[in-house]
Amino acid sequence: MSKQSSVLVTGGAGYIGSHVCVELIGAGFTPVIVDNLCNSNREVLERIETITGIRPELHEVDIRDRAALDAVFASHSFTAVMHFAGLKAVGESTTIPLSYYQNNVAG
């Protein structure tokens, strides 16, 4: 696989998404992260770089922001999209279910 094959990883700065980015880099792909950093932080990029020698590109974008997401798609040619930008706290999901629906389903 060509190093030029870009994969969009939503939630790529989170726990699962960051591990996927490490594996993608190891497989010869170039991950491009879209993450609003609500459950993660930029330090993850440094950790990915420490492990792989490559620092993925980060777009601090909420997946519900259509214009910002369109701009990311316009600036890249993606081979695939991997979606990990979901909210996941069970207790919180029962107190603010509409927010979870908007992010996890509409997003």
Protein backbone atom coordinates (compact mmCIF):
# COMPACT_ATOMS: atom_id res chain seq x y z
CA MET A 1 0.00 0.00 0.00
CA SER A 2 1.27 3.45 -0.88
CA LYS A 3 2.24 5.88 1.88
CA GLN A 4 0.05 8.33 -0.02
CA SER A 5 -3.15 6.39 0.83
CA SER A 6 -4.90 8.62 3.34
CA VAL A 7 -7.50 7.35 5.79
CA LEU A 8 -9.77 9.75 7.67
CA VAL A 9 -10.00 8.70 11.33
CA THR A 10 -12.77 10.47 13.21
CA GLY A 11 -12.05 10.44 16.93
CA GLY A 12 -8.44 9.62 16.10
CA ALA A 13 -7.12 11.34 19.22
CA GLY A 14 -9.17 9.06 21.46
CA TYR A 15 -8.10 5.72 22.91
CA ILE A 16 -9.34 3.40 20.15
CA GLY A 17 -8.78 5.89 17.32
CA SER A 18 -5.18 6.55 18.33
CA HIS A 19 -4.39 2.82 18.41
CA VAL A 20 -5.95 2.49 14.96
CA CYS A 21 -3.74 5.35 13.73
CA VAL A 22 -0.63 3.52 14.96
CA GLU A 23 -1.72 0.38 13.10
CA LEU A 24 -2.58 2.35 9.94
CA ILE A 25 0.86 3.95 9.91
CA GLY A 26 2.45 0.54 10.40
CA ALA A 27 0.46 -0.75 7.41
CA GLY A 28 1.65 2.09 5.19
CA PHE A 29 -1.38 4.37 5.35
CA THR A 30 -1.45 8.05 6.25
CA PRO A 31 -4.08 8.71 8.92
CA VAL A 32 -5.72 12.13 8.98
CA ILE A 33 -7.48 12.77 12.28
CA VAL A 34 -10.71 14.69 12.77
CA ASP A 35 -11.42 15.16 16.47
CA ASN A 36 -13.10 17.90 18.50
CA LEU A 37 -10.98 16.90 21.52
CA CYS A 38 -13.98 16.68 23.86
CA ASN A 39 -12.78 13.28 25.19
CA SER A 40 -9.12 13.44 24.18
CA ASN A 41 -6.19 15.83 23.83
CA ARG A 42 -3.36 16.84 21.53
CA GLU A 43 -0.77 14.92 23.59
CA VAL A 44 -1.97 11.79 21.83
CA LEU A 45 -0.34 13.05 18.62
CA GLU A 46 3.03 13.14 20.37
CA ARG A 47 2.52 9.58 21.61
CA ILE A 48 1.64 8.36 18.12
CA GLU A 49 4.76 10.10 16.82
CA THR A 50 6.92 8.54 19.54
CA ILE A 51 5.68 5.07 18.60
CA THR A 52 5.70 5.43 14.81
CA GLY A 53 8.02 8.33 13.99
CA ILE A 54 5.12 10.02 12.19
CA ARG A 55 2.85 12.72 13.59
CA PRO A 56 -0.62 12.49 12.05
CA GLU A 57 -2.35 15.60 10.78
CA LEU A 58 -5.12 16.78 13.12
CA HIS A 59 -8.17 18.81 12.16
CA GLU A 60 -9.89 20.03 15.32
CA VAL A 61 -13.39 19.66 13.90
CA ASP A 62 -16.69 18.46 15.30
CA ILE A 63 -18.15 15.82 12.99
CA ARG A 64 -21.48 17.65 13.11
CA ASP A 65 -19.90 20.77 11.56
CA ARG A 66 -20.69 20.04 7.92
CA ALA A 67 -18.78 23.01 6.47
CA ALA A 68 -15.61 22.20 8.40
CA LEU A 69 -15.87 18.51 7.52
CA ASP A 70 -16.45 19.38 3.86
CA ALA A 71 -13.24 21.44 3.96
CA VAL A 72 -11.29 18.44 5.27
CA PHE A 73 -12.68 16.24 2.49
CA ALA A 74 -11.92 18.93 -0.09
CA SER A 75 -8.26 19.06 0.97
CA HIS A 76 -7.64 15.29 0.89
CA SER A 77 -8.36 12.26 -1.22
CA PHE A 78 -9.28 9.55 1.26
CA THR A 79 -9.04 5.82 0.59
CA ALA A 80 -11.35 5.10 3.54
CA VAL A 81 -13.04 6.61 6.56
CA MET A 82 -12.93 5.00 10.00
CA HIS A 83 -15.42 6.44 12.48
CA PHE A 84 -14.56 6.44 16.19
CA ALA A 85 -15.96 9.85 17.19
CA GLY A 86 -18.69 8.52 19.44
CA LEU A 87 -19.65 9.52 22.94
CA LYS A 88 -19.63 6.50 25.24
CA ALA A 89 -20.40 7.21 28.90
CA VAL A 90 -23.47 5.13 29.77
CA GLY A 91 -24.58 7.20 32.77
CA GLU A 92 -24.21 10.47 30.92
CA SER A 93 -26.03 9.06 27.89
CA THR A 94 -29.14 8.54 30.02
CA THR A 95 -29.10 12.09 31.37
CA ILE A 96 -28.42 13.83 28.03
CA PRO A 97 -29.66 11.35 25.42
CA LEU A 98 -30.32 13.99 22.75
CA SER A 99 -26.66 15.05 22.80
CA TYR A 100 -25.62 11.42 22.39
CA TYR A 101 -28.08 10.94 19.55
CA GLN A 102 -26.94 14.10 17.77
CA ASN A 103 -23.27 13.12 18.00
CA ASN A 104 -23.40 9.34 17.61
CA VAL A 105 -26.20 9.02 15.08
CA ALA A 106 -26.57 12.35 13.27
CA GLY A 107 -22.82 12.97 13.29
